[in-house]
Amino acid sequence: MWSRKDERIERFGADVYRCFDSAGNLLYVGCSLNAYSRVSQHKATAEWFPRLARFTVDRYKSRHVALVVEARAIRDESPQYNVTQYGSLANEKVTATPIEHDDFELAVVGAYA
């Protein structure tokens, strides 16, 4: 059963973010309602965070679509530090065209706070 919060989340969409090191290696893929805040939160616990040199953010029309995109990315792109399994979500048929895209290059590796 869906709550009002679930309905708001679906209405405003969600982000899929990809984190890269300075050599362009994919470190981590995540899904969040606000990727910018979430990337910053990784600083406290993520082993890969000191290597972060660049991240991209794609916004999708719903959280469900973003979760499917995240699952496919983990399955197909093999990020070095993802431990979450992608499960059956990766096989769902959805239209997954981002409604926005941002690409952030950090001046100093690990500088994003």
N, C-alpha and C. Protein backbone atom coordinates (compact mmCIF):
# COMPACT_ATOMS: atom_id res chain seq x y z
N MET A 1 0.83 -1.17 0.00
CA MET A 1 0.00 0.00 0.00
C MET A 1 0.89 1.26 0.00
N TRP A 2 0.56 2.18 -0.86
CA TRP A 2 1.34 3.42 -1.01
C TRP A 2 0.91 4.46 0.01
N SER A 3 1.87 5.20 0.52
CA SER A 3 1.57 6.30 1.44
C SER A 3 1.62 7.62 0.68
N ARG A 4 1.23 8.69 1.34
CA ARG A 4 1.34 10.02 0.74
C ARG A 4 2.80 10.35 0.42
N LYS A 5 3.70 9.92 1.31
CA LYS A 5 5.13 10.16 1.08
C LYS A 5 5.57 9.46 -0.21
N ASP A 6 5.15 8.21 -0.41
CA ASP A 6 5.49 7.48 -1.63
C ASP A 6 4.99 8.22 -2.86
N GLU A 7 3.79 8.77 -2.77
CA GLU A 7 3.22 9.50 -3.90
C GLU A 7 4.04 10.74 -4.22
N ARG A 8 4.49 11.47 -3.18
CA ARG A 8 5.33 12.66 -3.39
C ARG A 8 6.66 12.28 -4.03
N ILE A 9 7.24 11.19 -3.55
CA ILE A 9 8.52 10.73 -4.09
C ILE A 9 8.37 10.41 -5.57
N GLU A 10 7.31 9.72 -5.94
CA GLU A 10 7.09 9.37 -7.34
C GLU A 10 6.87 10.62 -8.19
N ARG A 11 6.17 11.60 -7.64
CA ARG A 11 5.84 12.81 -8.40
C ARG A 11 7.08 13.65 -8.70
N PHE A 12 8.03 13.72 -7.77
CA PHE A 12 9.19 14.59 -7.96
C PHE A 12 10.40 13.89 -8.56
N GLY A 13 10.35 12.60 -8.69
CA GLY A 13 11.45 11.89 -9.33
C GLY A 13 12.60 11.59 -8.39
N ALA A 14 13.65 11.06 -8.98
CA ALA A 14 14.83 10.68 -8.20
C ALA A 14 16.06 10.70 -9.10
N ASP A 15 17.22 10.69 -8.47
CA ASP A 15 18.50 10.78 -9.17
C ASP A 15 19.22 9.44 -9.15
N VAL A 16 19.93 9.18 -10.24
CA VAL A 16 20.92 8.10 -10.27
C VAL A 16 22.26 8.79 -10.45
N TYR A 17 23.19 8.49 -9.56
CA TYR A 17 24.50 9.13 -9.63
C TYR A 17 25.60 8.08 -9.82
N ARG A 18 26.63 8.49 -10.55
CA ARG A 18 27.78 7.64 -10.79
C ARG A 18 29.03 8.39 -10.34
N CYS A 19 29.87 7.72 -9.56
CA CYS A 19 31.09 8.33 -9.02
C CYS A 19 32.31 7.70 -9.67
N PHE A 20 33.23 8.55 -10.10
CA PHE A 20 34.42 8.11 -10.84
C PHE A 20 35.70 8.60 -10.17
N ASP A 21 36.79 7.86 -10.38
CA ASP A 21 38.10 8.34 -9.92
C ASP A 21 38.75 9.15 -11.03
N SER A 22 39.95 9.64 -10.80
CA SER A 22 40.62 10.52 -11.77
C SER A 22 40.98 9.82 -13.08
N ALA A 23 41.04 8.49 -13.07
CA ALA A 23 41.33 7.73 -14.29
C ALA A 23 40.05 7.38 -15.05
N GLY A 24 38.89 7.77 -14.52
CA GLY A 24 37.63 7.49 -15.18
C GLY A 24 37.01 6.15 -14.80
N ASN A 25 37.59 5.46 -13.81
CA ASN A 25 37.04 4.19 -13.35
C ASN A 25 35.76 4.44 -12.55
N LEU A 26 34.74 3.65 -12.81
CA LEU A 26 33.48 3.77 -12.10
C LEU A 26 33.63 3.16 -10.71
N LEU A 27 33.47 3.99 -9.70
CA LEU A 27 33.62 3.54 -8.32
C LEU A 27 32.31 3.06 -7.72
N TYR A 28 31.24 3.83 -7.97
CA TYR A 28 29.99 3.56 -7.27
C TYR A 28 28.81 4.12 -8.05
N VAL A 29 27.68 3.42 -7.99
CA VAL A 29 26.43 3.90 -8.57
C VAL A 29 25.39 3.89 -7.45
N GLY A 30 24.63 4.98 -7.36
CA GLY A 30 23.60 5.05 -6.33
C GLY A 30 22.34 5.72 -6.84
N CYS A 31 21.29 5.62 -6.03
CA CYS A 31 20.01 6.24 -6.33
C CYS A 31 19.58 7.01 -5.09
N SER A 32 19.11 8.22 -5.28
CA SER A 32 18.72 9.06 -4.16
C SER A 32 17.71 10.11 -4.60
N LEU A 33 16.95 10.62 -3.66
CA LEU A 33 16.05 11.73 -3.97
C LEU A 33 16.85 13.00 -4.21
N ASN A 34 18.05 13.10 -3.60
CA ASN A 34 18.94 14.24 -3.79
C ASN A 34 20.38 13.72 -3.86
N ALA A 35 20.87 13.50 -5.06
CA ALA A 35 22.20 12.91 -5.25
C ALA A 35 23.31 13.78 -4.68
N TYR A 36 23.15 15.07 -4.74
CA TYR A 36 24.20 15.98 -4.28
C TYR A 36 24.42 15.82 -2.77
N SER A 37 23.35 15.75 -2.01
CA SER A 37 23.46 15.51 -0.57
C SER A 37 23.99 14.12 -0.29
N ARG A 38 23.50 13.16 -1.05
CA ARG A 38 23.91 11.76 -0.81
C ARG A 38 25.39 11.56 -1.08
N VAL A 39 25.91 12.13 -2.14
CA VAL A 39 27.34 12.01 -2.43
C VAL A 39 28.14 12.59 -1.27
N SER A 40 27.71 13.72 -0.76
CA SER A 40 28.38 14.34 0.38
C SER A 40 28.35 13.43 1.61
N GLN A 41 27.25 12.75 1.84
CA GLN A 41 27.13 11.84 2.98
C GLN A 41 28.09 10.67 2.89
N HIS A 42 28.45 10.26 1.69
CA HIS A 42 29.38 9.15 1.52
C HIS A 42 30.75 9.46 2.13
N LYS A 43 31.06 10.73 2.28
CA LYS A 43 32.37 11.13 2.80
C LYS A 43 32.67 10.46 4.15
N ALA A 44 31.66 10.30 4.98
CA ALA A 44 31.85 9.76 6.32
C ALA A 44 32.14 8.26 6.35
N THR A 45 31.66 7.52 5.37
CA THR A 45 31.75 6.06 5.48
C THR A 45 32.30 5.32 4.27
N ALA A 46 32.30 5.94 3.11
CA ALA A 46 32.66 5.20 1.90
C ALA A 46 34.17 5.10 1.71
N GLU A 47 34.63 3.88 1.57
CA GLU A 47 36.05 3.62 1.35
C GLU A 47 36.56 4.30 0.08
N TRP A 48 35.70 4.41 -0.92
CA TRP A 48 36.08 4.97 -2.22
C TRP A 48 36.11 6.49 -2.23
N PHE A 49 35.51 7.15 -1.25
CA PHE A 49 35.32 8.60 -1.33
C PHE A 49 36.63 9.40 -1.55
N PRO A 50 37.74 9.04 -0.91
CA PRO A 50 38.98 9.81 -1.15
C PRO A 50 39.44 9.78 -2.61
N ARG A 51 38.98 8.81 -3.38
CA ARG A 51 39.36 8.70 -4.80
C ARG A 51 38.41 9.47 -5.71
N LEU A 52 37.31 9.99 -5.18
CA LEU A 52 36.30 10.67 -5.99
C LEU A 52 36.86 11.89 -6.71
N ALA A 53 36.76 11.88 -8.03
CA ALA A 53 37.25 13.00 -8.84
C ALA A 53 36.13 13.61 -9.68
N ARG A 54 35.07 12.82 -9.94
CA ARG A 54 34.00 13.28 -10.82
C ARG A 54 32.74 12.47 -10.51
N PHE A 55 31.60 13.12 -10.61
CA PHE A 55 30.36 12.36 -10.53
C PHE A 55 29.32 12.95 -11.48
N THR A 56 28.45 12.07 -11.93
CA THR A 56 27.38 12.48 -12.82
C THR A 56 26.05 12.22 -12.12
N VAL A 57 25.05 13.01 -12.50
CA VAL A 57 23.72 12.86 -11.92
C VAL A 57 22.70 12.88 -13.05
N ASP A 58 21.85 11.88 -13.08
CA ASP A 58 20.73 11.84 -14.01
C ASP A 58 19.45 11.80 -13.20
N ARG A 59 18.54 12.72 -13.47
CA ARG A 59 17.23 12.77 -12.80
C ARG A 59 16.21 12.06 -13.67
N TYR A 60 15.41 11.20 -13.03
CA TYR A 60 14.36 10.45 -13.71
C TYR A 60 13.00 10.85 -13.18
N LYS A 61 11.98 10.58 -13.98
CA LYS A 61 10.63 11.06 -13.68
C LYS A 61 10.02 10.44 -12.43
N SER A 62 10.49 9.27 -12.03
CA SER A 62 9.97 8.64 -10.82
C SER A 62 11.09 7.88 -10.11
N ARG A 63 10.88 7.64 -8.83
CA ARG A 63 11.87 6.89 -8.07
C ARG A 63 11.96 5.46 -8.59
N HIS A 64 10.83 4.89 -8.97
CA HIS A 64 10.85 3.52 -9.47
C HIS A 64 11.73 3.41 -10.72
N VAL A 65 11.58 4.33 -11.65
CA VAL A 65 12.41 4.32 -12.86
C VAL A 65 13.87 4.47 -12.47
N ALA A 66 14.17 5.36 -11.54
CA ALA A 66 15.56 5.55 -11.10
C ALA A 66 16.12 4.29 -10.47
N LEU A 67 15.32 3.57 -9.69
CA LEU A 67 15.79 2.32 -9.09
C LEU A 67 16.09 1.27 -10.16
N VAL A 68 15.27 1.22 -11.19
CA VAL A 68 15.52 0.29 -12.30
C VAL A 68 16.82 0.65 -13.01
N VAL A 69 17.03 1.95 -13.27
CA VAL A 69 18.26 2.41 -13.93
C VAL A 69 19.47 2.08 -13.06
N GLU A 70 19.37 2.32 -11.75
CA GLU A 70 20.47 1.99 -10.84
C GLU A 70 20.80 0.50 -10.90
N ALA A 71 19.77 -0.33 -10.84
CA ALA A 71 19.98 -1.79 -10.87
C ALA A 71 20.65 -2.23 -12.17
N ARG A 72 20.20 -1.67 -13.28
CA ARG A 72 20.82 -2.00 -14.57
C ARG A 72 22.28 -1.54 -14.61
N ALA A 73 22.56 -0.36 -14.07
CA ALA A 73 23.93 0.17 -14.08
C ALA A 73 24.85 -0.71 -13.24
N ILE A 74 24.38 -1.15 -12.08
CA ILE A 74 25.20 -2.03 -11.23
C ILE A 74 25.47 -3.34 -11.97
N ARG A 75 24.45 -3.88 -12.60
CA ARG A 75 24.60 -5.14 -13.34
C ARG A 75 25.51 -4.98 -14.55
N ASP A 76 25.30 -3.92 -15.34
CA ASP A 76 25.96 -3.80 -16.64
C ASP A 76 27.30 -3.07 -16.60
N GLU A 77 27.49 -2.16 -15.64
CA GLU A 77 28.69 -1.33 -15.61
C GLU A 77 29.71 -1.77 -14.56
N SER A 78 29.35 -2.69 -13.69
CA SER A 78 30.24 -3.28 -12.67
C SER A 78 31.07 -2.26 -11.89
N PRO A 79 30.41 -1.36 -11.15
CA PRO A 79 31.18 -0.42 -10.33
C PRO A 79 31.99 -1.18 -9.28
N GLN A 80 33.15 -0.64 -8.96
CA GLN A 80 34.10 -1.34 -8.08
C GLN A 80 33.58 -1.54 -6.65
N TYR A 81 32.77 -0.62 -6.13
CA TYR A 81 32.42 -0.66 -4.72
C TYR A 81 30.96 -0.95 -4.40
N ASN A 82 30.13 -1.19 -5.37
CA ASN A 82 28.74 -1.52 -5.05
C ASN A 82 28.66 -2.92 -4.48
N VAL A 83 27.94 -3.06 -3.38
CA VAL A 83 27.74 -4.37 -2.77
C VAL A 83 26.29 -4.81 -2.88
N THR A 84 25.38 -3.90 -3.18
CA THR A 84 23.96 -4.21 -3.32
C THR A 84 23.74 -5.01 -4.60
N GLN A 85 22.96 -6.06 -4.49
CA GLN A 85 22.61 -6.84 -5.66
C GLN A 85 21.49 -6.14 -6.42
N TYR A 86 21.47 -6.30 -7.71
CA TYR A 86 20.50 -5.59 -8.52
C TYR A 86 19.16 -6.32 -8.63
N GLY A 87 19.13 -7.61 -8.44
CA GLY A 87 17.89 -8.37 -8.44
C GLY A 87 17.07 -8.23 -9.71
N SER A 88 15.78 -8.49 -9.58
CA SER A 88 14.89 -8.51 -10.75
C SER A 88 14.57 -7.13 -11.29
N LEU A 89 14.83 -6.07 -10.52
CA LEU A 89 14.56 -4.71 -11.00
C LEU A 89 15.28 -4.44 -12.32
N ALA A 90 16.48 -4.97 -12.46
CA ALA A 90 17.28 -4.70 -13.66
C ALA A 90 16.61 -5.21 -14.93
N ASN A 91 15.68 -6.15 -14.78
CA ASN A 91 15.03 -6.73 -15.95
C ASN A 91 13.67 -6.10 -16.27
N GLU A 92 13.23 -5.17 -15.44
CA GLU A 92 11.93 -4.53 -15.69
C GLU A 92 11.97 -3.69 -16.95
N LYS A 93 10.87 -3.66 -17.63
CA LYS A 93 10.76 -2.86 -18.85
C LYS A 93 10.16 -1.50 -18.50
N VAL A 94 10.99 -0.47 -18.54
CA VAL A 94 10.54 0.89 -18.29
C VAL A 94 11.23 1.81 -19.30
N THR A 95 10.60 2.93 -19.56
CA THR A 95 11.24 3.97 -20.36
C THR A 95 12.14 4.75 -19.42
N ALA A 96 13.43 4.73 -19.68
CA ALA A 96 14.39 5.28 -18.74
C ALA A 96 15.21 6.40 -19.37
N THR A 97 14.54 7.44 -19.79
CA THR A 97 15.22 8.60 -20.35
C THR A 97 15.35 9.66 -19.28
N PRO A 98 16.58 10.10 -18.97
CA PRO A 98 16.71 11.12 -17.93
C PRO A 98 16.04 12.43 -18.34
N ILE A 99 15.50 13.14 -17.36
CA ILE A 99 14.90 14.44 -17.65
C ILE A 99 15.90 15.57 -17.40
N GLU A 100 17.01 15.25 -16.74
CA GLU A 100 18.12 16.19 -16.52
C GLU A 100 19.41 15.41 -16.41
N HIS A 101 20.54 16.07 -16.73
CA HIS A 101 21.86 15.45 -16.58
C HIS A 101 22.84 16.52 -16.12
N ASP A 102 23.66 16.18 -15.12
CA ASP A 102 24.74 17.05 -14.66
C ASP A 102 26.02 16.24 -14.56
N ASP A 103 27.14 16.90 -14.79
CA ASP A 103 28.46 16.26 -14.72
C ASP A 103 29.36 17.18 -13.91
N PHE A 104 29.91 16.67 -12.80
CA PHE A 104 30.73 17.49 -11.90
C PHE A 104 32.15 16.97 -11.84
N GLU A 105 33.09 17.83 -12.18
CA GLU A 105 34.52 17.52 -12.09
C GLU A 105 35.03 18.21 -10.83
N LEU A 106 35.68 17.47 -9.95
CA LEU A 106 36.20 18.06 -8.72
C LEU A 106 37.61 18.57 -8.97
N ALA A 107 37.90 19.76 -8.48
CA ALA A 107 39.23 20.35 -8.67
C ALA A 107 40.28 19.57 -7.89
N VAL A 108 39.91 19.08 -6.72
CA VAL A 108 40.81 18.30 -5.88
C VAL A 108 40.11 16.98 -5.59
N VAL A 109 40.79 15.87 -5.79
CA VAL A 109 40.19 14.57 -5.56
C VAL A 109 39.72 14.49 -4.11
N GLY A 110 38.48 14.06 -3.92
CA GLY A 110 37.90 13.93 -2.59
C GLY A 110 37.47 15.25 -1.97
N ALA A 111 37.44 16.32 -2.75
CA ALA A 111 37.15 17.64 -2.20
C ALA A 111 35.68 17.88 -1.93
N TYR A 112 34.79 17.13 -2.55
CA TYR A 112 33.36 17.36 -2.37
C TYR A 112 32.97 17.08 -0.93
N ALA A 113 32.36 18.03 -0.28
CA ALA A 113 31.98 17.84 1.13
C ALA A 113 30.56 18.23 1.40
